[in-house]
Protein backbone atom coordinates (compact mmCIF):
# COMPACT_ATOMS: atom_id res chain seq x y z
CA MET A 1 135.57 119.14 105.25
CA LEU A 2 132.13 119.84 106.68
CA VAL A 3 129.87 116.79 106.37
CA ALA A 4 126.42 116.95 107.96
CA GLY A 5 123.70 114.36 107.64
CA PHE A 6 120.34 113.38 109.02
CA PRO A 7 117.64 110.79 108.24
CA ALA A 8 114.32 111.75 106.71
CA VAL A 9 111.25 110.84 108.74
CA ALA A 10 109.87 108.56 106.03
CA PHE A 11 112.01 105.53 105.08
CA GLY A 12 114.97 106.82 107.12
CA THR A 13 116.73 108.10 104.00
CA ASN A 14 119.96 109.89 104.82
CA CYS A 15 120.32 113.42 103.44
CA TYR A 16 123.86 114.85 103.42
CA VAL A 17 125.35 118.33 103.13
CA LEU A 18 128.98 118.70 101.99
CA ALA A 19 131.12 121.83 102.08
CA THR A 20 134.75 122.78 102.54
CA GLY A 21 133.73 124.48 105.78
CA PRO A 22 131.26 126.88 107.42
CA GLY A 23 130.39 129.98 105.44
CA GLN A 24 131.12 128.31 102.10
CA GLU A 25 129.21 126.93 99.14
CA CYS A 26 127.78 123.43 99.60
CA VAL A 27 126.07 120.57 97.82
CA VAL A 28 123.04 118.66 99.07
CA VAL A 29 122.89 114.89 98.51
CA ASP A 30 119.56 113.02 98.37
CA PRO A 31 116.93 115.36 99.85
CA GLY A 32 114.22 112.85 100.74
CA THR A 33 110.74 113.12 102.21
CA ASP A 34 109.94 116.33 104.12
CA VAL A 35 113.56 117.28 104.83
CA THR A 36 113.40 120.98 103.99
CA ALA A 37 113.10 122.27 107.57
CA GLN A 38 116.06 120.24 108.86
CA LEU A 39 118.06 121.08 105.76
CA ASP A 40 117.38 124.80 106.11
CA GLU A 41 118.53 124.64 109.74
CA ILE A 42 121.87 123.05 108.82
CA ILE A 43 122.39 125.56 106.03
CA ALA A 44 121.59 128.53 108.29
CA ASP A 45 123.61 127.28 111.27
CA ASN A 46 126.70 126.85 109.09
CA ARG A 47 126.07 129.92 106.87
CA LEU A 48 126.19 127.77 103.74
CA LYS A 49 125.18 128.53 100.16
CA PRO A 50 123.82 125.48 98.26
CA VAL A 51 124.91 125.36 94.62
CA ALA A 52 123.58 121.94 93.55
CA VAL A 53 121.68 118.83 94.55
CA LEU A 54 123.41 115.52 93.81
CA LEU A 55 121.24 112.41 93.58
CA THR A 56 122.63 108.91 94.13
CA HIS A 57 119.64 107.50 92.25
CA GLY A 58 116.07 108.28 91.27
CA HIS A 59 113.96 106.55 93.91
CA LEU A 60 111.37 108.82 95.45
CA ASP A 61 112.63 108.38 99.01
CA HIS A 62 115.86 110.07 97.86
CA THR A 63 114.34 112.67 95.51
CA PHE A 64 111.08 113.68 97.19
CA SER A 65 112.27 117.20 98.11
CA VAL A 66 114.59 117.82 95.16
CA THR A 67 112.27 120.24 93.36
CA PRO A 68 111.55 122.54 96.33
CA VAL A 69 115.21 122.51 97.39
CA CYS A 70 116.40 123.36 93.86
CA GLY A 71 113.56 125.74 93.08
CA ALA A 72 113.98 127.84 96.21
CA ARG A 73 117.61 128.53 95.32
CA GLY A 74 117.70 128.33 91.51
CA ILE A 75 120.20 125.46 91.51
CA PRO A 76 120.47 122.32 89.34
CA ALA A 77 119.79 118.70 90.21
CA TRP A 78 122.37 116.16 89.04
CA ILE A 79 121.39 112.55 88.25
CA HIS A 80 122.75 109.76 86.06
CA SER A 81 121.09 109.27 82.67
CA GLY A 82 120.01 105.76 83.68
CA ASP A 83 117.64 107.24 86.25
CA ARG A 84 116.78 110.51 84.50
CA HIS A 85 113.29 109.24 83.65
CA LEU A 86 112.51 108.85 87.35
CA LEU A 87 112.56 112.63 87.77
CA SER A 88 109.76 112.79 85.20
CA ASP A 89 107.85 109.75 86.46
CA PRO A 90 109.01 108.82 89.98
CA MET A 91 106.30 106.20 90.38
CA ALA A 92 108.00 104.10 87.67
CA GLY A 93 110.71 103.04 90.09
CA LEU A 94 108.56 102.03 93.04
CA SER A 95 107.35 98.76 94.46
CA ALA A 96 103.58 98.17 94.60
CA GLU A 97 103.61 98.91 98.34
CA SER A 98 105.43 102.20 97.85
CA ARG A 99 103.11 103.25 95.02
CA GLU A 100 100.23 102.75 97.43
CA PHE A 101 102.00 104.84 100.11
CA PHE A 102 102.61 107.80 97.79
CA GLY A 103 99.77 107.31 95.33
CA GLY A 104 97.03 109.23 97.09
CA ARG A 105 99.08 112.23 98.15
CA LEU A 106 101.83 112.81 95.59
CA THR A 107 101.91 116.09 93.70
CA TRP A 108 105.02 116.04 91.57
CA SER A 109 106.95 118.34 89.26
CA GLU A 110 110.52 117.77 88.18
CA PRO A 111 113.28 120.36 88.75
CA GLU A 112 113.66 123.02 86.08
CA ASP A 113 117.42 122.47 85.69
CA ILE A 114 118.54 118.83 85.46
CA LYS A 115 122.11 117.84 84.61
CA GLU A 116 123.47 114.35 84.02
CA LEU A 117 126.24 112.66 85.99
CA ILE A 118 128.94 110.76 84.08
CA ASP A 119 130.83 107.75 85.36
CA GLY A 120 134.38 108.62 86.35
CA ALA A 121 133.84 112.35 86.09
CA VAL A 122 135.48 114.57 88.68
CA MET A 123 133.11 117.40 89.50
CA ASP A 124 134.66 120.73 90.49
CA ILE A 125 131.83 122.07 92.60
CA ALA A 126 131.45 124.18 95.74
CA GLY A 127 135.22 124.31 96.08
CA MET A 128 135.42 120.50 96.15
CA GLN A 129 136.41 117.76 93.75
CA ILE A 130 133.88 114.93 93.80
CA THR A 131 134.39 111.75 91.78
CA VAL A 132 131.28 110.08 90.35
CA ASP A 133 131.14 106.26 90.30
CA HIS A 134 128.33 104.70 88.29
CA ALA A 135 127.31 101.60 90.27
CA PRO A 136 124.18 99.98 88.79
CA GLY A 137 122.35 97.14 90.47
CA HIS A 138 119.93 98.86 92.82
CA THR A 139 118.79 100.98 89.87
CA SER A 140 120.16 101.42 86.36
CA GLY A 141 121.49 104.87 87.21
CA SER A 142 122.76 104.39 90.76
CA VAL A 143 125.93 106.32 91.50
CA MET A 144 128.25 106.87 94.44
CA PHE A 145 130.24 110.00 95.28
CA ARG A 146 133.85 110.25 96.51
CA PRO A 147 134.82 113.76 97.64
CA ALA A 148 138.54 114.50 97.70
CA MET A 149 139.53 114.71 101.36
CA GLY A 150 142.37 116.45 103.15
CA SER A 151 145.60 114.62 103.98
CA ASP A 152 144.53 114.31 107.62
CA GLU A 153 141.04 112.99 106.78
CA SER A 154 139.83 109.48 106.02
CA PRO A 155 138.65 108.76 102.46
CA LEU A 156 134.89 109.12 102.09
CA LEU A 157 132.30 107.27 100.01
CA ILE A 158 128.66 108.36 99.80
CA SER A 159 127.21 105.04 98.69
CA GLY A 160 123.51 105.71 98.23
CA ASP A 161 121.63 102.41 98.21
CA VAL A 162 124.53 100.39 96.83
CA LEU A 163 126.26 99.54 100.11
CA PHE A 164 124.90 99.62 103.67
CA LYS A 165 126.34 98.57 107.00
CA GLU A 166 126.23 94.77 106.69
CA GLY A 167 123.78 95.00 103.80
CA ILE A 168 123.30 96.06 100.20
CA GLY A 169 120.46 97.68 98.30
CA ARG A 170 117.55 95.60 97.10
CA THR A 171 117.68 94.54 93.47
CA ASP A 172 114.08 93.49 92.88
CA LEU A 173 112.69 96.88 91.83
CA PRO A 174 112.43 98.19 88.24
CA GLY A 175 115.94 98.69 86.89
CA GLY A 176 117.51 96.47 89.54
CA SER A 177 119.93 93.64 88.80
CA PRO A 178 121.56 91.21 91.27
CA GLU A 179 124.33 90.51 88.77
CA LEU A 180 125.16 94.18 88.19
CA MET A 181 125.00 94.84 91.93
CA GLN A 182 127.74 92.27 92.53
CA VAL A 183 129.85 93.78 89.74
CA SER A 184 129.44 97.25 91.25
CA LEU A 185 130.37 96.01 94.73
CA ARG A 186 133.41 94.18 93.41
CA THR A 187 134.73 96.89 91.06
CA LYS A 188 133.59 100.13 92.70
CA CYS A 189 133.49 99.38 96.46
CA LEU A 190 135.97 96.62 97.27
CA THR A 191 138.71 98.33 95.30
CA LEU A 192 138.70 101.19 97.85
CA ASP A 193 140.97 101.46 100.87
CA ASP A 194 139.72 99.70 104.01
CA ALA A 195 139.86 103.01 105.89
CA THR A 196 137.26 104.55 103.57
CA VAL A 197 134.29 105.81 105.58
CA VAL A 198 130.99 104.82 103.96
CA LEU A 199 127.98 107.11 104.36
CA PRO A 200 125.03 105.03 103.12
CA GLY A 201 121.58 105.98 101.91
CA HIS A 202 120.01 104.34 104.96
CA GLY A 203 121.35 103.39 108.36
CA ASP A 204 124.63 103.98 110.13
CA ALA A 205 128.04 104.83 108.72
CA THR A 206 130.57 102.05 108.25
CA THR A 207 133.93 101.45 106.57
CA ILE A 208 135.01 99.47 103.54
CA GLY A 209 137.21 97.31 105.79
CA SER A 210 134.30 96.46 108.06
CA GLU A 211 132.08 95.55 105.11
CA ARG A 212 134.81 93.50 103.48
CA ALA A 213 135.00 91.45 106.68
CA ASN A 214 131.39 91.38 107.85
CA ASN A 215 128.94 92.00 105.00
CA PRO A 216 127.24 88.68 104.14
CA PHE A 217 125.76 90.01 100.90
CA ILE A 218 129.04 90.84 99.18
CA ASP A 219 129.86 88.13 96.62
CA GLY A 220 126.69 86.33 97.62
CA ALA A 221 123.31 85.57 96.11
CA GLY A 222 121.26 87.64 98.56
CA THR A 223 119.53 90.85 97.58
CA GLY A 224 120.32 92.59 100.85
CA PRO A 225 118.13 93.91 103.65
CA SER A 226 115.00 95.65 102.44
CA ARG A 227 115.52 99.35 103.14
CA GLY A 228 114.01 102.43 101.53
CA LEU A 229 111.65 101.70 98.66
């Protein structure tokens, strides 16, 4: 499988591109702030055709470029119903500091075609099968994605802002819940094989085994390192 990723300039939000290989259809995950140039370069270099944008949640640092990316190609944006309102009013999910950062320069319109992700659904898209795991705690509608991998490839989890390398997403923003975050970590992350590669919404890749052994915020009272919004 072709997996390409890069961090946005603002907030270091990781944007990912998934495809079965060069020259194929692809999906874009979490196009954040001012990522269109880098995204277009990856798409052109690998001769890819985007067919959808998948959003791990509705925070603006993960959705900032969703409308131009979708609009330029006539493709849908997928988001869980718990965060659907944040594509209409993205400021509703922000901290006071983040509202101040975006407030004076944000011109916003939601994508024309929005579809809703369902927990446990297996999406047949771009030649791939991608399982959707609803994992609330960071936001009400946070999800993670598990693409089906080849027999010679490690399992893969795109975790959004649920699980980071030695951290977890903050739970103090609107729609956040420390209790639900721990449930999501316990039932949706720690049930996966230790060899599962985790591609988080911010920071470096890790594995489930490494986080099981080293992450101080799993089964704890902490809210995790403050990353993103």
